[in-house]
Amino acid sequence: MHDQSIKKSNWIKLHPKSFSALMEMYEENYISMRLLCPYLQKMEPKMVSGVDGGGYDLHLHILEKAPQTTTLRLTYCMQDGSYRPDLKIRVYHDARQAEVLSRQCRITGGEQKAGGLPDESALLCRWRLNRFLARWLNYSLRQGHMFIPDVPSRHSMRKGTPELLD
């Protein structure tokens, strides 16, 4: 009985208490995405970020650009040629949010959309995917990853932080 209460307690800690908590995570993911890609609306369709000291190259593929949104795929290319994790992300520039739309299943190769599993609520699935994104973005930033396209000289750098002009 005690084991069940511990499992339930851990389960509650890992899951959102509200829709607003999920929206807050989207905002945090947006901030991290902008640190990783300061000029996101000016990016080339495909970019790679590598860091010194080993590790995998981080690949960013712009799938769709619209005035208020950018949809992209973020992944590593592994030594065996597979892409993992492989997340499809939408960045909402006007709302200043970023959310995971789907991920590629490494077993079946199929795309799994948020809320696509029969036993999970859409909120729970979105929480899990976006919590993973938050951790992965923070890890990538700590590793030194950053996507900076060739930017005209009018874009200045101050104290090592790019001016966010878009």
N, C-alpha and C. Protein backbone atom coordinates (compact mmCIF):
# COMPACT_ATOMS: atom_id res chain seq x y z
N MET A 1 0.82 -1.19 0.00
CA MET A 1 0.00 0.00 0.00
C MET A 1 0.87 1.26 0.00
N HIS A 2 1.94 1.25 0.80
CA HIS A 2 2.85 2.39 0.87
C HIS A 2 3.49 2.65 -0.49
N ASP A 3 3.87 1.57 -1.21
CA ASP A 3 4.48 1.70 -2.53
C ASP A 3 3.53 2.41 -3.49
N GLN A 4 2.24 2.10 -3.40
CA GLN A 4 1.27 2.73 -4.29
C GLN A 4 1.15 4.22 -4.01
N SER A 5 1.21 4.63 -2.73
CA SER A 5 1.11 6.05 -2.40
C SER A 5 2.36 6.80 -2.87
N ILE A 6 3.53 6.17 -2.82
CA ILE A 6 4.76 6.78 -3.32
C ILE A 6 4.66 6.96 -4.82
N LYS A 7 4.20 5.91 -5.53
CA LYS A 7 4.05 6.00 -6.98
C LYS A 7 3.09 7.11 -7.36
N LYS A 8 1.96 7.20 -6.63
CA LYS A 8 0.98 8.23 -6.93
C LYS A 8 1.56 9.62 -6.65
N SER A 9 2.31 9.77 -5.56
CA SER A 9 2.94 11.04 -5.21
C SER A 9 3.92 11.46 -6.30
N ASN A 10 4.76 10.52 -6.77
CA ASN A 10 5.71 10.83 -7.84
C ASN A 10 4.98 11.16 -9.13
N TRP A 11 3.90 10.46 -9.41
CA TRP A 11 3.13 10.70 -10.62
C TRP A 11 2.58 12.12 -10.61
N ILE A 12 2.06 12.58 -9.47
CA ILE A 12 1.49 13.93 -9.36
C ILE A 12 2.56 14.98 -9.57
N LYS A 13 3.76 14.77 -9.04
CA LYS A 13 4.84 15.74 -9.19
C LYS A 13 5.24 15.91 -10.65
N LEU A 14 5.09 14.88 -11.45
CA LEU A 14 5.54 14.92 -12.83
C LEU A 14 4.48 15.42 -13.80
N HIS A 15 3.30 15.73 -13.32
CA HIS A 15 2.21 16.10 -14.22
C HIS A 15 1.64 17.46 -13.88
N PRO A 16 1.08 18.13 -14.87
CA PRO A 16 0.57 19.48 -14.64
C PRO A 16 -0.68 19.46 -13.76
N LYS A 17 -0.83 20.53 -13.04
CA LYS A 17 -2.02 20.66 -12.22
C LYS A 17 -3.11 21.41 -12.97
N SER A 18 -2.71 22.11 -14.03
CA SER A 18 -3.69 22.92 -14.74
C SER A 18 -3.23 23.22 -16.16
N PHE A 19 -4.18 23.66 -16.93
CA PHE A 19 -3.89 24.11 -18.29
C PHE A 19 -2.95 25.31 -18.26
N SER A 20 -3.12 26.18 -17.26
CA SER A 20 -2.27 27.37 -17.17
C SER A 20 -0.80 26.99 -16.90
N ALA A 21 -0.56 25.89 -16.17
CA ALA A 21 0.81 25.42 -15.94
C ALA A 21 1.44 24.99 -17.26
N LEU A 22 0.64 24.36 -18.12
CA LEU A 22 1.15 23.96 -19.44
C LEU A 22 1.48 25.20 -20.27
N MET A 23 0.63 26.21 -20.22
CA MET A 23 0.87 27.45 -20.97
C MET A 23 2.15 28.14 -20.47
N GLU A 24 2.40 28.06 -19.16
CA GLU A 24 3.63 28.62 -18.62
C GLU A 24 4.86 27.88 -19.16
N MET A 25 4.72 26.55 -19.30
CA MET A 25 5.82 25.78 -19.88
C MET A 25 6.05 26.18 -21.33
N TYR A 26 4.99 26.43 -22.08
CA TYR A 26 5.13 26.90 -23.47
C TYR A 26 5.92 28.21 -23.51
N GLU A 27 5.66 29.10 -22.56
CA GLU A 27 6.38 30.37 -22.51
C GLU A 27 7.86 30.14 -22.21
N GLU A 28 8.15 29.25 -21.27
CA GLU A 28 9.54 28.93 -20.95
C GLU A 28 10.24 28.30 -22.15
N ASN A 29 9.53 27.44 -22.88
CA ASN A 29 10.11 26.84 -24.08
C ASN A 29 10.39 27.90 -25.15
N TYR A 30 9.53 28.88 -25.24
CA TYR A 30 9.74 29.98 -26.21
C TYR A 30 11.03 30.73 -25.86
N ILE A 31 11.20 31.06 -24.59
CA ILE A 31 12.41 31.78 -24.17
C ILE A 31 13.66 30.97 -24.50
N SER A 32 13.63 29.68 -24.21
CA SER A 32 14.78 28.82 -24.51
C SER A 32 15.01 28.70 -26.01
N MET A 33 13.93 28.58 -26.78
CA MET A 33 14.07 28.51 -28.25
C MET A 33 14.70 29.78 -28.79
N ARG A 34 14.32 30.93 -28.25
CA ARG A 34 14.88 32.19 -28.71
C ARG A 34 16.35 32.33 -28.32
N LEU A 35 16.75 31.75 -27.20
CA LEU A 35 18.17 31.75 -26.86
C LEU A 35 18.95 30.83 -27.79
N LEU A 36 18.35 29.71 -28.16
CA LEU A 36 18.99 28.77 -29.08
C LEU A 36 19.00 29.32 -30.51
N CYS A 37 17.94 30.01 -30.89
CA CYS A 37 17.78 30.54 -32.25
C CYS A 37 17.37 32.01 -32.17
N PRO A 38 18.31 32.91 -31.88
CA PRO A 38 17.94 34.31 -31.67
C PRO A 38 17.30 34.99 -32.88
N TYR A 39 17.63 34.54 -34.07
CA TYR A 39 17.11 35.14 -35.30
C TYR A 39 16.20 34.15 -36.02
N LEU A 40 15.33 33.50 -35.31
CA LEU A 40 14.54 32.40 -35.83
C LEU A 40 13.80 32.75 -37.12
N GLN A 41 13.23 33.92 -37.21
CA GLN A 41 12.46 34.27 -38.40
C GLN A 41 13.35 34.57 -39.61
N LYS A 42 14.65 34.66 -39.39
CA LYS A 42 15.59 34.92 -40.48
C LYS A 42 16.48 33.72 -40.79
N MET A 43 16.14 32.56 -40.23
CA MET A 43 16.98 31.37 -40.37
C MET A 43 16.89 30.76 -41.76
N GLU A 44 17.97 30.10 -42.13
CA GLU A 44 17.99 29.29 -43.34
C GLU A 44 17.15 28.04 -43.09
N PRO A 45 16.66 27.39 -44.17
CA PRO A 45 15.79 26.22 -43.96
C PRO A 45 16.42 25.08 -43.19
N LYS A 46 17.73 24.87 -43.34
CA LYS A 46 18.41 23.80 -42.61
C LYS A 46 19.70 24.34 -42.03
N MET A 47 19.88 24.07 -40.73
CA MET A 47 21.10 24.52 -40.05
C MET A 47 21.57 23.43 -39.10
N VAL A 48 22.86 23.45 -38.81
CA VAL A 48 23.47 22.49 -37.89
C VAL A 48 24.31 23.27 -36.88
N SER A 49 24.19 22.88 -35.61
CA SER A 49 25.00 23.48 -34.55
C SER A 49 25.87 22.38 -33.96
N GLY A 50 27.16 22.60 -33.98
CA GLY A 50 28.10 21.67 -33.36
C GLY A 50 28.81 22.37 -32.21
N VAL A 51 29.27 21.61 -31.25
CA VAL A 51 29.99 22.18 -30.12
C VAL A 51 31.32 21.48 -29.95
N ASP A 52 32.27 22.19 -29.37
CA ASP A 52 33.57 21.60 -29.08
C ASP A 52 33.43 20.58 -27.96
N GLY A 53 34.29 19.59 -27.96
CA GLY A 53 34.30 18.62 -26.88
C GLY A 53 33.42 17.42 -27.12
N GLY A 54 33.02 17.20 -28.36
CA GLY A 54 32.22 16.01 -28.65
C GLY A 54 30.74 16.28 -28.57
N GLY A 55 30.00 15.24 -28.52
CA GLY A 55 28.55 15.35 -28.53
C GLY A 55 28.04 15.34 -29.96
N TYR A 56 26.75 15.23 -30.08
CA TYR A 56 26.12 15.17 -31.39
C TYR A 56 25.80 16.56 -31.90
N ASP A 57 25.84 16.69 -33.23
CA ASP A 57 25.40 17.94 -33.85
C ASP A 57 23.90 18.06 -33.73
N LEU A 58 23.44 19.25 -33.43
CA LEU A 58 22.02 19.54 -33.32
C LEU A 58 21.54 20.08 -34.66
N HIS A 59 20.49 19.45 -35.21
CA HIS A 59 19.97 19.82 -36.53
C HIS A 59 18.64 20.55 -36.38
N LEU A 60 18.51 21.65 -37.10
CA LEU A 60 17.27 22.41 -37.11
C LEU A 60 16.82 22.54 -38.56
N HIS A 61 15.58 22.13 -38.81
CA HIS A 61 15.00 22.22 -40.16
C HIS A 61 13.73 23.05 -40.06
N ILE A 62 13.70 24.17 -40.76
CA ILE A 62 12.49 24.99 -40.80
C ILE A 62 11.52 24.31 -41.76
N LEU A 63 10.36 23.95 -41.28
CA LEU A 63 9.35 23.27 -42.11
C LEU A 63 8.35 24.25 -42.72
N GLU A 64 8.05 25.31 -41.95
CA GLU A 64 7.06 26.28 -42.42
C GLU A 64 7.28 27.61 -41.71
N LYS A 65 7.22 28.70 -42.49
CA LYS A 65 7.31 30.04 -41.91
C LYS A 65 6.05 30.80 -42.26
N ALA A 66 5.49 31.45 -41.27
CA ALA A 66 4.34 32.33 -41.47
C ALA A 66 4.64 33.60 -40.67
N PRO A 67 3.89 34.66 -40.89
CA PRO A 67 4.21 35.90 -40.16
C PRO A 67 4.21 35.73 -38.64
N GLN A 68 3.32 34.92 -38.08
CA GLN A 68 3.24 34.80 -36.63
C GLN A 68 3.73 33.46 -36.07
N THR A 69 4.08 32.52 -36.95
CA THR A 69 4.54 31.20 -36.48
C THR A 69 5.70 30.68 -37.31
N THR A 70 6.47 29.83 -36.70
CA THR A 70 7.51 29.06 -37.39
C THR A 70 7.37 27.63 -36.90
N THR A 71 7.30 26.69 -37.85
CA THR A 71 7.25 25.27 -37.51
C THR A 71 8.59 24.67 -37.91
N LEU A 72 9.19 23.91 -37.00
CA LEU A 72 10.52 23.38 -37.26
C LEU A 72 10.65 21.98 -36.69
N ARG A 73 11.70 21.31 -37.13
CA ARG A 73 12.06 20.00 -36.59
C ARG A 73 13.44 20.16 -35.96
N LEU A 74 13.58 19.66 -34.73
CA LEU A 74 14.83 19.74 -33.99
C LEU A 74 15.24 18.32 -33.63
N THR A 75 16.50 17.97 -33.94
CA THR A 75 16.94 16.59 -33.73
C THR A 75 18.46 16.49 -33.70
N TYR A 76 18.94 15.35 -33.26
CA TYR A 76 20.34 14.97 -33.42
C TYR A 76 20.41 13.96 -34.55
N CYS A 77 21.53 13.94 -35.27
CA CYS A 77 21.80 12.86 -36.22
C CYS A 77 22.78 11.92 -35.51
N MET A 78 22.31 10.72 -35.24
CA MET A 78 23.12 9.75 -34.50
C MET A 78 24.15 9.10 -35.43
N GLN A 79 25.09 8.37 -34.86
CA GLN A 79 26.15 7.73 -35.64
C GLN A 79 25.60 6.71 -36.62
N ASP A 80 24.45 6.09 -36.29
CA ASP A 80 23.86 5.10 -37.19
C ASP A 80 22.99 5.73 -38.28
N GLY A 81 22.95 7.08 -38.31
CA GLY A 81 22.17 7.79 -39.32
C GLY A 81 20.73 8.06 -38.93
N SER A 82 20.32 7.58 -37.76
CA SER A 82 18.95 7.84 -37.31
C SER A 82 18.89 9.22 -36.66
N TYR A 83 17.69 9.73 -36.55
CA TYR A 83 17.46 11.05 -35.93
C TYR A 83 16.69 10.85 -34.64
N ARG A 84 17.32 11.25 -33.51
CA ARG A 84 16.69 11.11 -32.20
C ARG A 84 17.19 12.20 -31.28
N PRO A 85 16.46 12.70 -30.38
CA PRO A 85 15.01 12.75 -30.48
C PRO A 85 14.63 13.57 -31.70
N ASP A 86 13.47 13.40 -32.19
CA ASP A 86 13.04 14.06 -33.42
C ASP A 86 11.70 14.73 -33.14
N LEU A 87 11.76 16.02 -32.81
CA LEU A 87 10.56 16.75 -32.40
C LEU A 87 10.14 17.77 -33.45
N LYS A 88 8.85 17.84 -33.68
CA LYS A 88 8.26 18.88 -34.53
C LYS A 88 7.71 19.93 -33.57
N ILE A 89 8.18 21.17 -33.72
CA ILE A 89 7.88 22.23 -32.77
C ILE A 89 7.27 23.42 -33.52
N ARG A 90 6.27 24.03 -32.92
CA ARG A 90 5.72 25.27 -33.47
C ARG A 90 6.01 26.40 -32.50
N VAL A 91 6.59 27.47 -33.04
CA VAL A 91 6.89 28.67 -32.27
C VAL A 91 5.87 29.73 -32.67
N TYR A 92 5.18 30.27 -31.66
CA TYR A 92 4.19 31.31 -31.87
C TYR A 92 4.84 32.64 -31.49
N HIS A 93 5.25 33.42 -32.50
CA HIS A 93 5.97 34.66 -32.24
C HIS A 93 5.09 35.70 -31.56
N ASP A 94 3.83 35.78 -31.95
CA ASP A 94 2.93 36.77 -31.36
C ASP A 94 2.58 36.45 -29.92
N ALA A 95 2.33 35.19 -29.61
CA ALA A 95 1.97 34.78 -28.24
C ALA A 95 3.20 34.49 -27.39
N ARG A 96 4.38 34.42 -28.03
CA ARG A 96 5.63 34.10 -27.34
C ARG A 96 5.56 32.77 -26.61
N GLN A 97 5.18 31.76 -27.39
CA GLN A 97 5.10 30.40 -26.87
C GLN A 97 5.71 29.44 -27.89
N ALA A 98 6.15 28.29 -27.41
CA ALA A 98 6.65 27.22 -28.27
C ALA A 98 6.13 25.91 -27.72
N GLU A 99 5.60 25.07 -28.61
CA GLU A 99 5.06 23.78 -28.17
C GLU A 99 5.48 22.67 -29.11
N VAL A 100 5.58 21.47 -28.58
CA VAL A 100 5.85 20.28 -29.38
C VAL A 100 4.54 19.86 -30.02
N LEU A 101 4.56 19.73 -31.35
CA LEU A 101 3.38 19.24 -32.07
C LEU A 101 3.37 17.73 -32.15
N SER A 102 4.56 17.15 -32.37
CA SER A 102 4.65 15.69 -32.49
C SER A 102 6.10 15.27 -32.35
N ARG A 103 6.27 13.95 -32.27
CA ARG A 103 7.62 13.37 -32.26
C ARG A 103 7.60 12.14 -33.14
N GLN A 104 8.76 11.80 -33.66
CA GLN A 104 8.90 10.58 -34.45
C GLN A 104 9.16 9.43 -33.50
N CYS A 105 8.40 8.36 -33.67
CA CYS A 105 8.62 7.16 -32.88
C CYS A 105 9.84 6.43 -33.43
N ARG A 106 10.81 6.15 -32.58
CA ARG A 106 12.02 5.49 -33.08
C ARG A 106 11.79 4.02 -33.39
N ILE A 107 10.72 3.44 -32.86
CA ILE A 107 10.44 2.02 -33.11
C ILE A 107 9.69 1.84 -34.43
N THR A 108 8.58 2.56 -34.58
CA THR A 108 7.77 2.39 -35.79
C THR A 108 8.15 3.36 -36.90
N GLY A 109 8.82 4.46 -36.54
CA GLY A 109 9.15 5.48 -37.54
C GLY A 109 7.99 6.41 -37.82
N GLY A 110 6.83 6.15 -37.24
CA GLY A 110 5.66 6.98 -37.46
C GLY A 110 5.65 8.21 -36.57
N GLU A 111 4.88 9.20 -36.99
CA GLU A 111 4.77 10.43 -36.22
C GLU A 111 3.69 10.27 -35.15
N GLN A 112 4.03 10.61 -33.91
CA GLN A 112 3.06 10.55 -32.82
C GLN A 112 2.71 11.97 -32.41
N LYS A 113 1.42 12.31 -32.57
CA LYS A 113 0.96 13.65 -32.22
C LYS A 113 0.58 13.71 -30.76
N ALA A 114 0.61 14.92 -30.22
CA ALA A 114 0.23 15.12 -28.81
C ALA A 114 -1.20 14.65 -28.60
N GLY A 115 -1.39 13.84 -27.58
CA GLY A 115 -2.72 13.31 -27.27
C GLY A 115 -3.11 12.15 -28.15
N GLY A 116 -2.17 11.56 -28.85
CA GLY A 116 -2.47 10.50 -29.79
C GLY A 116 -2.57 9.11 -29.18
N LEU A 117 -2.22 8.97 -27.93
CA LEU A 117 -2.28 7.65 -27.30
C LEU A 117 -3.65 7.47 -26.64
N PRO A 118 -4.24 6.28 -26.75
CA PRO A 118 -5.60 6.08 -26.24
C PRO A 118 -5.74 6.22 -24.73
N ASP A 119 -4.69 5.91 -23.97
CA ASP A 119 -4.79 5.94 -22.51
C ASP A 119 -4.46 7.30 -21.91
N GLU A 120 -3.98 8.24 -22.72
CA GLU A 120 -3.53 9.51 -22.18
C GLU A 120 -4.46 10.64 -22.57
N SER A 121 -4.61 11.58 -21.66
CA SER A 121 -5.33 12.78 -22.01
C SER A 121 -4.41 13.65 -22.86
N ALA A 122 -4.97 14.53 -23.64
CA ALA A 122 -4.17 15.44 -24.46
C ALA A 122 -3.29 16.31 -23.58
N LEU A 123 -3.82 16.75 -22.43
CA LEU A 123 -3.06 17.60 -21.52
C LEU A 123 -1.83 16.87 -21.00
N LEU A 124 -2.00 15.62 -20.57
CA LEU A 124 -0.90 14.83 -20.05
C LEU A 124 0.16 14.58 -21.12
N CYS A 125 -0.28 14.24 -22.31
CA CYS A 125 0.67 13.98 -23.39
C CYS A 125 1.44 15.26 -23.74
N ARG A 126 0.74 16.37 -23.84
CA ARG A 126 1.42 17.64 -24.14
C ARG A 126 2.40 18.01 -23.03
N TRP A 127 2.01 17.75 -21.80
CA TRP A 127 2.90 18.03 -20.67
C TRP A 127 4.20 17.23 -20.81
N ARG A 128 4.08 15.93 -21.08
CA ARG A 128 5.27 15.08 -21.19
C ARG A 128 6.18 15.54 -22.32
N LEU A 129 5.61 15.78 -23.50
CA LEU A 129 6.41 16.18 -24.65
C LEU A 129 7.09 17.52 -24.41
N ASN A 130 6.38 18.48 -23.86
CA ASN A 130 6.93 19.80 -23.68
C ASN A 130 7.88 19.89 -22.49
N ARG A 131 7.68 19.04 -21.51
CA ARG A 131 8.63 18.95 -20.40
C ARG A 131 9.96 18.39 -20.92
N PHE A 132 9.87 17.40 -21.82
CA PHE A 132 11.08 16.88 -22.43
C PHE A 132 11.78 17.98 -23.24
N LEU A 133 10.99 18.73 -24.02
CA LEU A 133 11.57 19.82 -24.82
C LEU A 133 12.28 20.83 -23.91
N ALA A 134 11.65 21.21 -22.82
CA ALA A 134 12.25 22.18 -21.90
C ALA A 134 13.61 21.69 -21.40
N ARG A 135 13.66 20.44 -21.00
CA ARG A 135 14.92 19.88 -20.50
C ARG A 135 15.96 19.79 -21.61
N TRP A 136 15.55 19.37 -22.80
CA TRP A 136 16.48 19.22 -23.91
C TRP A 136 17.02 20.58 -24.36
N LEU A 137 16.17 21.59 -24.42
CA LEU A 137 16.63 22.93 -24.79
C LEU A 137 17.65 23.45 -23.78
N ASN A 138 17.35 23.29 -22.50
CA ASN A 138 18.30 23.74 -21.47
C ASN A 138 19.62 22.99 -21.56
N TYR A 139 19.56 21.70 -21.80
CA TYR A 139 20.78 20.90 -21.97
C TYR A 139 21.57 21.39 -23.19
N SER A 140 20.88 21.60 -24.29
CA SER A 140 21.55 22.06 -25.52
C SER A 140 22.20 23.42 -25.32
N LEU A 141 21.53 24.31 -24.62
CA LEU A 141 22.10 25.63 -24.34
C LEU A 141 23.33 25.51 -23.44
N ARG A 142 23.27 24.65 -22.43
CA ARG A 142 24.43 24.44 -21.55
C ARG A 142 25.61 23.86 -22.32
N GLN A 143 25.32 23.05 -23.33
CA GLN A 143 26.38 22.46 -24.16
C GLN A 143 27.03 23.50 -25.06
N GLY A 144 26.33 24.61 -25.27
CA GLY A 144 26.87 25.68 -26.12
C GLY A 144 26.25 25.76 -27.50
N HIS A 145 25.19 24.98 -27.75
CA HIS A 145 24.54 25.03 -29.05
C HIS A 145 23.86 26.37 -29.27
N MET A 146 23.92 26.86 -30.52
CA MET A 146 23.21 28.07 -30.91
C MET A 146 23.17 28.11 -32.43
N PHE A 147 22.04 28.54 -32.95
CA PHE A 147 21.87 28.68 -34.40
C PHE A 147 21.86 30.17 -34.74
N ILE A 148 22.92 30.60 -35.44
CA ILE A 148 23.01 31.99 -35.86
C ILE A 148 23.25 32.01 -37.37
N PRO A 149 22.29 32.51 -38.13
CA PRO A 149 22.49 32.59 -39.58
C PRO A 149 23.45 33.73 -39.92
N ASP A 150 23.82 33.79 -41.17
CA ASP A 150 24.60 34.94 -41.63
C ASP A 150 23.69 36.15 -41.52
N VAL A 151 24.04 37.07 -40.61
CA VAL A 151 23.18 38.22 -40.36
C VAL A 151 23.88 39.47 -40.87
N PRO A 152 23.14 40.38 -41.47
CA PRO A 152 23.76 41.64 -41.92
C PRO A 152 24.42 42.36 -40.75
N SER A 153 25.41 43.19 -41.06
CA SER A 153 26.20 43.83 -40.02
C SER A 153 25.40 44.80 -39.16
N ARG A 154 24.21 45.22 -39.60
CA ARG A 154 23.41 46.14 -38.79
C ARG A 154 22.91 45.47 -37.51
N HIS A 155 22.95 44.14 -37.47
CA HIS A 155 22.57 43.42 -36.25
C HIS A 155 23.79 43.39 -35.34
N SER A 156 23.68 44.05 -34.22
CA SER A 156 24.85 44.16 -33.35
C SER A 156 24.83 43.09 -32.27
N MET A 157 26.00 42.87 -31.71
CA MET A 157 26.14 41.96 -30.58
C MET A 157 26.55 42.79 -29.38
N ARG A 158 25.84 42.61 -28.28
CA ARG A 158 26.17 43.34 -27.05
C ARG A 158 26.39 42.33 -25.93
N LYS A 159 27.56 42.39 -25.32
CA LYS A 159 27.90 41.51 -24.20
C LYS A 159 27.65 40.05 -24.54
N GLY A 160 27.89 39.68 -25.79
CA GLY A 160 27.77 38.28 -26.19
C GLY A 160 26.34 37.80 -26.41
N THR A 161 25.34 38.69 -26.30
CA THR A 161 23.96 38.29 -26.50
C THR A 161 23.42 38.97 -27.73
N PRO A 162 22.91 38.21 -28.71
CA PRO A 162 22.40 38.83 -29.92
C PRO A 162 21.18 39.69 -29.63
N GLU A 163 21.11 40.80 -30.33
CA GLU A 163 19.93 41.65 -30.24
C GLU A 163 18.79 40.90 -30.91
N LEU A 164 17.67 40.83 -30.29
CA LEU A 164 16.52 40.12 -30.85
C LEU A 164 15.68 41.12 -31.63
N LEU A 165 15.87 41.14 -32.94
CA LEU A 165 15.21 42.14 -33.76
C LEU A 165 13.93 41.65 -34.43
N ASP A 166 13.64 40.35 -34.41
CA ASP A 166 12.41 39.93 -35.08
C ASP A 166 11.28 39.84 -34.12
